[in-house]
Amino acid sequence: MLRLETAHAVHYQGAVGCAAKAGRQLRRDAHAMTTLLRIAAAVSLAWAVMLLAFKVPVLGTSYAMPVARGLGNALAITHLALAFCFLYAARDPVTHRAGVYTAILLMALKMTNDVYELLILLPADQALISLADLVLSVGLLVGLLEALPRTFGTRPPAE
């Protein structure tokens, strides 16, 4: 009986050692994801600052309406919360998958909205902010999607 317990303990310790090596490998591969999540946090923070500090240039003449002011403030607060979420997920993307998936979803939805604004809603002289946001959203979305397999993929541990 003692032999079985000893063999089990040795097997368990070996498995823990292999998992630790695999974890270190995943942590090294998650560096690109960490950088992209920090950039996404910076973009969300920039939107929050623009919506709070520069309301008239961003919202235009519709800012005079109380509903537009309230919605602009709510959107700024939401962007602050998202920036915090992305910074928190950037510390350890493997553990905080929800933050990574939130960033991917946000960039995809912003990209869709920006294309709609550029093609249908906005006149050419007011489309510069949406165009810049579209370029940033597409770049971040492609980077995040490209970094997914390296961050969450499983590999056999290097010996």
N, C-alpha and C. Protein backbone atom coordinates (compact mmCIF):
# COMPACT_ATOMS: atom_id res chain seq x y z
N MET A 1 0.82 -1.19 0.00
CA MET A 1 0.00 0.00 0.00
C MET A 1 0.87 1.26 0.00
N LEU A 2 1.96 1.21 0.71
CA LEU A 2 2.86 2.35 0.77
C LEU A 2 3.44 2.67 -0.60
N ARG A 3 3.71 1.62 -1.38
CA ARG A 3 4.26 1.84 -2.72
C ARG A 3 3.28 2.57 -3.61
N LEU A 4 2.01 2.23 -3.55
CA LEU A 4 1.02 2.89 -4.38
C LEU A 4 0.89 4.37 -4.02
N GLU A 5 0.90 4.69 -2.75
CA GLU A 5 0.81 6.08 -2.34
C GLU A 5 2.04 6.85 -2.79
N THR A 6 3.22 6.24 -2.68
CA THR A 6 4.45 6.90 -3.10
C THR A 6 4.44 7.11 -4.61
N ALA A 7 4.02 6.08 -5.35
CA ALA A 7 3.96 6.21 -6.80
C ALA A 7 2.97 7.30 -7.21
N HIS A 8 1.84 7.35 -6.51
CA HIS A 8 0.84 8.39 -6.81
C HIS A 8 1.42 9.78 -6.52
N ALA A 9 2.14 9.92 -5.41
CA ALA A 9 2.73 11.21 -5.07
C ALA A 9 3.76 11.64 -6.10
N VAL A 10 4.59 10.71 -6.57
CA VAL A 10 5.60 11.04 -7.58
C VAL A 10 4.91 11.43 -8.89
N HIS A 11 3.88 10.68 -9.28
CA HIS A 11 3.15 11.00 -10.51
C HIS A 11 2.49 12.38 -10.39
N TYR A 12 1.89 12.67 -9.23
CA TYR A 12 1.22 13.96 -9.03
C TYR A 12 2.23 15.09 -9.10
N GLN A 13 3.37 14.94 -8.46
CA GLN A 13 4.39 15.99 -8.49
C GLN A 13 4.92 16.20 -9.90
N GLY A 14 5.08 15.12 -10.67
CA GLY A 14 5.51 15.24 -12.05
C GLY A 14 4.49 15.98 -12.89
N ALA A 15 3.21 15.70 -12.65
CA ALA A 15 2.16 16.39 -13.40
C ALA A 15 2.13 17.87 -13.06
N VAL A 16 2.33 18.19 -11.78
CA VAL A 16 2.35 19.60 -11.38
C VAL A 16 3.54 20.31 -12.01
N GLY A 17 4.69 19.64 -12.07
CA GLY A 17 5.87 20.23 -12.71
C GLY A 17 5.66 20.50 -14.18
N CYS A 18 5.02 19.55 -14.88
CA CYS A 18 4.73 19.73 -16.31
C CYS A 18 3.74 20.88 -16.52
N ALA A 19 2.72 20.96 -15.65
CA ALA A 19 1.75 22.04 -15.77
C ALA A 19 2.40 23.39 -15.52
N ALA A 20 3.33 23.44 -14.58
CA ALA A 20 4.03 24.70 -14.30
C ALA A 20 4.87 25.13 -15.50
N LYS A 21 5.55 24.16 -16.14
CA LYS A 21 6.34 24.49 -17.33
C LYS A 21 5.43 24.97 -18.46
N ALA A 22 4.30 24.29 -18.64
CA ALA A 22 3.36 24.71 -19.67
C ALA A 22 2.80 26.09 -19.35
N GLY A 23 2.54 26.38 -18.08
CA GLY A 23 2.05 27.69 -17.67
C GLY A 23 3.05 28.79 -17.97
N ARG A 24 4.34 28.51 -17.72
CA ARG A 24 5.36 29.51 -18.03
C ARG A 24 5.43 29.77 -19.53
N GLN A 25 5.29 28.70 -20.33
CA GLN A 25 5.30 28.86 -21.78
C GLN A 25 4.11 29.70 -22.24
N LEU A 26 2.93 29.44 -21.67
CA LEU A 26 1.76 30.22 -22.04
C LEU A 26 1.92 31.67 -21.61
N ARG A 27 2.52 31.89 -20.46
CA ARG A 27 2.71 33.26 -19.99
C ARG A 27 3.63 34.03 -20.94
N ARG A 28 4.66 33.38 -21.46
CA ARG A 28 5.55 34.05 -22.40
C ARG A 28 4.82 34.37 -23.70
N ASP A 29 3.98 33.46 -24.16
CA ASP A 29 3.26 33.67 -25.40
C ASP A 29 2.14 34.70 -25.26
N ALA A 30 1.73 35.00 -24.04
CA ALA A 30 0.64 35.94 -23.81
C ALA A 30 1.12 37.40 -23.83
N HIS A 31 2.39 37.63 -24.10
CA HIS A 31 2.93 38.99 -24.08
C HIS A 31 2.26 39.87 -25.14
N ALA A 32 2.03 39.33 -26.34
CA ALA A 32 1.37 40.12 -27.39
C ALA A 32 -0.05 40.47 -26.98
N MET A 33 -0.74 39.52 -26.37
CA MET A 33 -2.12 39.77 -25.92
C MET A 33 -2.14 40.85 -24.85
N THR A 34 -1.17 40.81 -23.95
CA THR A 34 -1.08 41.82 -22.89
C THR A 34 -0.91 43.21 -23.49
N THR A 35 -0.03 43.32 -24.46
CA THR A 35 0.20 44.61 -25.11
C THR A 35 -1.05 45.10 -25.83
N LEU A 36 -1.72 44.21 -26.54
CA LEU A 36 -2.94 44.60 -27.26
C LEU A 36 -4.06 45.01 -26.31
N LEU A 37 -4.18 44.32 -25.18
CA LEU A 37 -5.21 44.70 -24.20
C LEU A 37 -4.89 46.06 -23.59
N ARG A 38 -3.63 46.36 -23.39
CA ARG A 38 -3.26 47.69 -22.87
C ARG A 38 -3.56 48.78 -23.89
N ILE A 39 -3.34 48.48 -25.16
CA ILE A 39 -3.69 49.46 -26.20
C ILE A 39 -5.20 49.66 -26.26
N ALA A 40 -5.96 48.57 -26.14
CA ALA A 40 -7.43 48.68 -26.11
C ALA A 40 -7.88 49.51 -24.92
N ALA A 41 -7.22 49.35 -23.78
CA ALA A 41 -7.55 50.16 -22.61
C ALA A 41 -7.25 51.63 -22.87
N ALA A 42 -6.14 51.91 -23.54
CA ALA A 42 -5.79 53.30 -23.85
C ALA A 42 -6.81 53.92 -24.82
N VAL A 43 -7.27 53.14 -25.80
CA VAL A 43 -8.27 53.65 -26.74
C VAL A 43 -9.58 53.94 -26.01
N SER A 44 -10.00 53.03 -25.12
CA SER A 44 -11.23 53.26 -24.35
C SER A 44 -11.09 54.47 -23.44
N LEU A 45 -9.94 54.64 -22.83
CA LEU A 45 -9.69 55.81 -21.98
C LEU A 45 -9.71 57.09 -22.81
N ALA A 46 -9.14 57.04 -24.01
CA ALA A 46 -9.16 58.22 -24.89
C ALA A 46 -10.59 58.59 -25.27
N TRP A 47 -11.43 57.59 -25.55
CA TRP A 47 -12.83 57.88 -25.86
C TRP A 47 -13.53 58.49 -24.65
N ALA A 48 -13.25 57.97 -23.47
CA ALA A 48 -13.88 58.52 -22.26
C ALA A 48 -13.48 59.98 -22.06
N VAL A 49 -12.21 60.29 -22.25
CA VAL A 49 -11.74 61.67 -22.09
C VAL A 49 -12.36 62.57 -23.15
N MET A 50 -12.42 62.08 -24.40
CA MET A 50 -13.03 62.90 -25.46
C MET A 50 -14.50 63.16 -25.18
N LEU A 51 -15.21 62.15 -24.68
CA LEU A 51 -16.64 62.34 -24.42
C LEU A 51 -16.89 63.22 -23.20
N LEU A 52 -15.96 63.24 -22.25
CA LEU A 52 -16.15 64.08 -21.06
C LEU A 52 -15.61 65.49 -21.24
N ALA A 53 -14.47 65.62 -21.91
CA ALA A 53 -13.82 66.92 -22.00
C ALA A 53 -14.16 67.69 -23.29
N PHE A 54 -14.34 66.98 -24.37
CA PHE A 54 -14.57 67.63 -25.67
C PHE A 54 -15.93 67.24 -26.23
N LYS A 55 -16.97 67.54 -25.50
CA LYS A 55 -18.31 67.10 -25.89
C LYS A 55 -18.81 67.77 -27.16
N VAL A 56 -18.59 69.04 -27.30
CA VAL A 56 -19.13 69.77 -28.45
C VAL A 56 -18.50 69.27 -29.77
N PRO A 57 -17.16 69.14 -29.88
CA PRO A 57 -16.62 68.64 -31.16
C PRO A 57 -17.02 67.20 -31.46
N VAL A 58 -17.17 66.38 -30.42
CA VAL A 58 -17.48 64.96 -30.66
C VAL A 58 -18.96 64.76 -30.94
N LEU A 59 -19.81 65.37 -30.14
CA LEU A 59 -21.25 65.17 -30.29
C LEU A 59 -21.90 66.16 -31.25
N GLY A 60 -21.23 67.25 -31.57
CA GLY A 60 -21.76 68.22 -32.53
C GLY A 60 -22.88 69.06 -31.93
N THR A 61 -23.77 69.51 -32.78
CA THR A 61 -24.84 70.40 -32.35
C THR A 61 -25.91 69.68 -31.55
N SER A 62 -25.95 68.38 -31.62
CA SER A 62 -26.97 67.64 -30.87
C SER A 62 -26.65 67.62 -29.37
N TYR A 63 -25.48 68.15 -29.00
CA TYR A 63 -25.10 68.18 -27.59
C TYR A 63 -26.02 69.08 -26.77
N ALA A 64 -26.69 70.01 -27.41
CA ALA A 64 -27.58 70.92 -26.68
C ALA A 64 -28.78 70.18 -26.08
N MET A 65 -29.12 69.04 -26.62
CA MET A 65 -30.25 68.27 -26.10
C MET A 65 -29.82 67.55 -24.82
N PRO A 66 -30.64 67.60 -23.78
CA PRO A 66 -30.29 66.92 -22.52
C PRO A 66 -30.11 65.41 -22.68
N VAL A 67 -30.86 64.81 -23.58
CA VAL A 67 -30.72 63.37 -23.80
C VAL A 67 -29.34 63.05 -24.35
N ALA A 68 -28.86 63.87 -25.28
CA ALA A 68 -27.53 63.64 -25.86
C ALA A 68 -26.44 63.81 -24.81
N ARG A 69 -26.59 64.80 -23.92
CA ARG A 69 -25.61 64.98 -22.85
C ARG A 69 -25.59 63.78 -21.92
N GLY A 70 -26.77 63.31 -21.54
CA GLY A 70 -26.85 62.15 -20.65
C GLY A 70 -26.26 60.90 -21.28
N LEU A 71 -26.57 60.66 -22.56
CA LEU A 71 -26.04 59.49 -23.24
C LEU A 71 -24.52 59.60 -23.44
N GLY A 72 -24.04 60.80 -23.71
CA GLY A 72 -22.59 61.00 -23.84
C GLY A 72 -21.86 60.73 -22.54
N ASN A 73 -22.42 61.20 -21.43
CA ASN A 73 -21.81 60.92 -20.13
C ASN A 73 -21.85 59.43 -19.80
N ALA A 74 -22.96 58.78 -20.11
CA ALA A 74 -23.07 57.34 -19.85
C ALA A 74 -22.07 56.55 -20.69
N LEU A 75 -21.89 56.96 -21.93
CA LEU A 75 -20.92 56.29 -22.79
C LEU A 75 -19.49 56.50 -22.29
N ALA A 76 -19.20 57.69 -21.79
CA ALA A 76 -17.87 57.95 -21.23
C ALA A 76 -17.62 57.07 -20.00
N ILE A 77 -18.61 56.94 -19.14
CA ILE A 77 -18.46 56.09 -17.96
C ILE A 77 -18.27 54.63 -18.37
N THR A 78 -18.99 54.20 -19.39
CA THR A 78 -18.84 52.84 -19.88
C THR A 78 -17.44 52.60 -20.42
N HIS A 79 -16.91 53.57 -21.14
CA HIS A 79 -15.54 53.42 -21.65
C HIS A 79 -14.51 53.40 -20.53
N LEU A 80 -14.74 54.14 -19.46
CA LEU A 80 -13.85 54.05 -18.30
C LEU A 80 -13.88 52.66 -17.68
N ALA A 81 -15.06 52.09 -17.55
CA ALA A 81 -15.19 50.73 -17.00
C ALA A 81 -14.52 49.71 -17.91
N LEU A 82 -14.68 49.86 -19.21
CA LEU A 82 -14.02 48.94 -20.14
C LEU A 82 -12.51 49.07 -20.09
N ALA A 83 -12.01 50.29 -19.96
CA ALA A 83 -10.56 50.48 -19.84
C ALA A 83 -10.02 49.76 -18.60
N PHE A 84 -10.73 49.85 -17.50
CA PHE A 84 -10.32 49.13 -16.29
C PHE A 84 -10.36 47.63 -16.53
N CYS A 85 -11.40 47.14 -17.18
CA CYS A 85 -11.54 45.71 -17.48
C CYS A 85 -10.37 45.22 -18.33
N PHE A 86 -9.99 45.99 -19.34
CA PHE A 86 -8.91 45.58 -20.22
C PHE A 86 -7.56 45.62 -19.50
N LEU A 87 -7.35 46.63 -18.66
CA LEU A 87 -6.10 46.68 -17.89
C LEU A 87 -6.01 45.52 -16.91
N TYR A 88 -7.12 45.17 -16.30
CA TYR A 88 -7.14 44.05 -15.37
C TYR A 88 -6.86 42.74 -16.11
N ALA A 89 -7.44 42.57 -17.28
CA ALA A 89 -7.22 41.35 -18.06
C ALA A 89 -5.80 41.30 -18.62
N ALA A 90 -5.17 42.45 -18.84
CA ALA A 90 -3.81 42.47 -19.39
C ALA A 90 -2.78 41.91 -18.40
N ARG A 91 -3.10 41.92 -17.10
CA ARG A 91 -2.15 41.36 -16.14
C ARG A 91 -1.92 39.87 -16.35
N ASP A 92 -2.98 39.15 -16.69
CA ASP A 92 -2.88 37.72 -16.94
C ASP A 92 -4.00 37.30 -17.89
N PRO A 93 -3.77 37.41 -19.19
CA PRO A 93 -4.83 37.13 -20.15
C PRO A 93 -5.33 35.69 -20.12
N VAL A 94 -4.45 34.75 -19.76
CA VAL A 94 -4.85 33.35 -19.73
C VAL A 94 -5.92 33.13 -18.66
N THR A 95 -5.76 33.76 -17.53
CA THR A 95 -6.72 33.61 -16.43
C THR A 95 -7.98 34.43 -16.68
N HIS A 96 -7.84 35.61 -17.26
CA HIS A 96 -8.97 36.52 -17.44
C HIS A 96 -9.45 36.51 -18.89
N ARG A 97 -9.94 35.37 -19.33
CA ARG A 97 -10.41 35.23 -20.71
C ARG A 97 -11.58 36.14 -21.02
N ALA A 98 -12.43 36.38 -20.03
CA ALA A 98 -13.61 37.22 -20.27
C ALA A 98 -13.20 38.62 -20.72
N GLY A 99 -12.13 39.15 -20.16
CA GLY A 99 -11.64 40.46 -20.58
C GLY A 99 -11.14 40.45 -22.02
N VAL A 100 -10.49 39.36 -22.40
CA VAL A 100 -10.01 39.23 -23.79
C VAL A 100 -11.19 39.14 -24.75
N TYR A 101 -12.17 38.32 -24.41
CA TYR A 101 -13.34 38.18 -25.28
C TYR A 101 -14.16 39.46 -25.33
N THR A 102 -14.19 40.20 -24.23
CA THR A 102 -14.88 41.49 -24.22
C THR A 102 -14.20 42.47 -25.17
N ALA A 103 -12.87 42.48 -25.16
CA ALA A 103 -12.13 43.37 -26.06
C ALA A 103 -12.39 43.00 -27.52
N ILE A 104 -12.42 41.71 -27.81
CA ILE A 104 -12.69 41.27 -29.19
C ILE A 104 -14.10 41.68 -29.61
N LEU A 105 -15.06 41.46 -28.74
CA LEU A 105 -16.45 41.81 -29.05
C LEU A 105 -16.61 43.32 -29.23
N LEU A 106 -15.99 44.10 -28.34
CA LEU A 106 -16.09 45.55 -28.45
C LEU A 106 -15.49 46.05 -29.75
N MET A 107 -14.31 45.56 -30.12
CA MET A 107 -13.67 46.03 -31.35
C MET A 107 -14.49 45.63 -32.58
N ALA A 108 -15.08 44.43 -32.57
CA ALA A 108 -15.89 44.01 -33.71
C ALA A 108 -17.15 44.87 -33.84
N LEU A 109 -17.79 45.16 -32.71
CA LEU A 109 -19.01 45.99 -32.76
C LEU A 109 -18.69 47.44 -33.11
N LYS A 110 -17.56 47.97 -32.58
CA LYS A 110 -17.17 49.34 -32.95
C LYS A 110 -16.85 49.42 -34.44
N MET A 111 -16.19 48.40 -34.97
CA MET A 111 -15.86 48.38 -36.38
C MET A 111 -17.14 48.39 -37.22
N THR A 112 -18.11 47.57 -36.84
CA THR A 112 -19.37 47.53 -37.57
C THR A 112 -20.09 48.87 -37.51
N ASN A 113 -20.12 49.47 -36.34
CA ASN A 113 -20.77 50.77 -36.17
C ASN A 113 -20.06 51.86 -36.97
N ASP A 114 -18.73 51.84 -36.97
CA ASP A 114 -17.98 52.86 -37.71
C ASP A 114 -18.20 52.74 -39.21
N VAL A 115 -18.26 51.52 -39.72
CA VAL A 115 -18.53 51.34 -41.15
C VAL A 115 -19.92 51.88 -41.48
N TYR A 116 -20.90 51.60 -40.63
CA TYR A 116 -22.26 52.11 -40.84
C TYR A 116 -22.27 53.64 -40.82
N GLU A 117 -21.56 54.23 -39.85
CA GLU A 117 -21.50 55.69 -39.78
C GLU A 117 -20.85 56.28 -41.03
N LEU A 118 -19.75 55.69 -41.47
CA LEU A 118 -19.04 56.24 -42.62
C LEU A 118 -19.82 56.09 -43.93
N LEU A 119 -20.50 54.97 -44.09
CA LEU A 119 -21.20 54.74 -45.35
C LEU A 119 -22.57 55.38 -45.43
N ILE A 120 -23.26 55.52 -44.28
CA ILE A 120 -24.65 55.95 -44.34
C ILE A 120 -24.92 57.24 -43.58
N LEU A 121 -24.45 57.34 -42.34
CA LEU A 121 -24.90 58.43 -41.48
C LEU A 121 -24.18 59.75 -41.68
N LEU A 122 -22.88 59.74 -41.66
CA LEU A 122 -22.12 60.99 -41.56
C LEU A 122 -21.76 61.58 -42.91
N PRO A 123 -21.83 62.92 -43.01
CA PRO A 123 -21.28 63.57 -44.20
C PRO A 123 -19.75 63.52 -44.16
N ALA A 124 -19.14 63.74 -45.28
CA ALA A 124 -17.69 63.57 -45.39
C ALA A 124 -16.90 64.47 -44.44
N ASP A 125 -17.37 65.68 -44.19
CA ASP A 125 -16.61 66.60 -43.34
C ASP A 125 -16.67 66.23 -41.85
N GLN A 126 -17.57 65.34 -41.45
CA GLN A 126 -17.68 64.94 -40.04
C GLN A 126 -17.22 63.51 -39.79
N ALA A 127 -16.64 62.87 -40.78
CA ALA A 127 -16.33 61.44 -40.68
C ALA A 127 -14.92 61.13 -40.22
N LEU A 128 -14.11 62.13 -39.92
CA LEU A 128 -12.70 61.88 -39.60
C LEU A 128 -12.53 61.08 -38.30
N ILE A 129 -13.29 61.41 -37.27
CA ILE A 129 -13.18 60.69 -36.00
C ILE A 129 -13.61 59.24 -36.17
N SER A 130 -14.68 59.01 -36.92
CA SER A 130 -15.12 57.64 -37.16
C SER A 130 -14.13 56.85 -37.99
N LEU A 131 -13.49 57.51 -38.93
CA LEU A 131 -12.48 56.84 -39.74
C LEU A 131 -11.27 56.44 -38.89
N ALA A 132 -10.81 57.33 -38.01
CA ALA A 132 -9.70 56.99 -37.12
C ALA A 132 -10.08 55.86 -36.17
N ASP A 133 -11.30 55.89 -35.66
CA ASP A 133 -11.76 54.82 -34.77
C ASP A 133 -11.87 53.50 -35.53
N LEU A 134 -12.30 53.55 -36.78
CA LEU A 134 -12.38 52.34 -37.60
C LEU A 134 -11.00 51.71 -37.79
N VAL A 135 -10.02 52.53 -38.11
CA VAL A 135 -8.66 52.02 -38.33
C VAL A 135 -8.12 51.39 -37.04
N LEU A 136 -8.30 52.06 -35.90
CA LEU A 136 -7.85 51.50 -34.63
C LEU A 136 -8.60 50.22 -34.28
N SER A 137 -9.89 50.20 -34.50
CA SER A 137 -10.69 49.01 -34.16
C SER A 137 -10.31 47.82 -35.02
N VAL A 138 -10.12 48.03 -36.32
CA VAL A 138 -9.73 46.93 -37.20
C VAL A 138 -8.35 46.40 -36.82
N GLY A 139 -7.41 47.32 -36.57
CA GLY A 139 -6.07 46.89 -36.19
C GLY A 139 -6.06 46.09 -34.89
N LEU A 140 -6.77 46.57 -33.89
CA LEU A 140 -6.83 45.85 -32.62
C LEU A 140 -7.56 44.52 -32.75
N LEU A 141 -8.64 44.50 -33.53
CA LEU A 141 -9.39 43.25 -33.72
C LEU A 141 -8.52 42.19 -34.40
N VAL A 142 -7.82 42.58 -35.45
CA VAL A 142 -6.95 41.63 -36.14
C VAL A 142 -5.82 41.15 -35.21
N GLY A 143 -5.23 42.08 -34.47
CA GLY A 143 -4.17 41.69 -33.54
C GLY A 143 -4.66 40.76 -32.45
N LEU A 144 -5.81 41.06 -31.87
CA LEU A 144 -6.36 40.21 -30.81
C LEU A 144 -6.70 38.82 -31.34
N LEU A 145 -7.33 38.76 -32.51
CA LEU A 145 -7.67 37.46 -33.08
C LEU A 145 -6.43 36.66 -33.46
N GLU A 146 -5.41 37.34 -33.93
CA GLU A 146 -4.17 36.66 -34.30
C GLU A 146 -3.43 36.14 -33.08
N ALA A 147 -3.55 36.84 -31.96
CA ALA A 147 -2.83 36.43 -30.74
C ALA A 147 -3.59 35.38 -29.93
N LEU A 148 -4.84 35.12 -30.26
CA LEU A 148 -5.62 34.12 -29.50
C LEU A 148 -4.98 32.74 -29.45
N PRO A 149 -4.60 32.15 -30.59
CA PRO A 149 -4.04 30.80 -30.51
C PRO A 149 -2.74 30.72 -29.71
N ARG A 150 -1.90 31.75 -29.82
CA ARG A 150 -0.65 31.73 -29.06
C ARG A 150 -0.89 31.91 -27.57
N THR A 151 -1.95 32.62 -27.21
CA THR A 151 -2.21 32.86 -25.81
C THR A 151 -2.91 31.68 -25.14
N PHE A 152 -3.93 31.12 -25.79
CA PHE A 152 -4.74 30.08 -25.17
C PHE A 152 -4.46 28.70 -25.70
N GLY A 153 -3.63 28.58 -26.73
CA GLY A 153 -3.34 27.26 -27.29
C GLY A 153 -2.56 26.40 -26.30
N THR A 154 -2.79 25.11 -26.38
CA THR A 154 -2.06 24.20 -25.50
C THR A 154 -0.94 23.56 -26.29
N ARG A 155 0.18 23.44 -25.65
CA ARG A 155 1.35 22.81 -26.26
C ARG A 155 1.92 21.82 -25.27
N PRO A 156 2.59 20.82 -25.78
CA PRO A 156 3.27 19.94 -24.84
C PRO A 156 4.42 20.70 -24.18
N PRO A 157 4.67 20.44 -22.90
CA PRO A 157 5.72 21.17 -22.21
C PRO A 157 7.10 20.87 -22.78
N ALA A 158 7.91 21.91 -22.89
CA ALA A 158 9.29 21.74 -23.36
C ALA A 158 10.11 21.11 -22.26
N GLU A 159 10.87 20.10 -22.62
CA GLU A 159 11.67 19.40 -21.59
C GLU A 159 13.13 19.73 -21.74
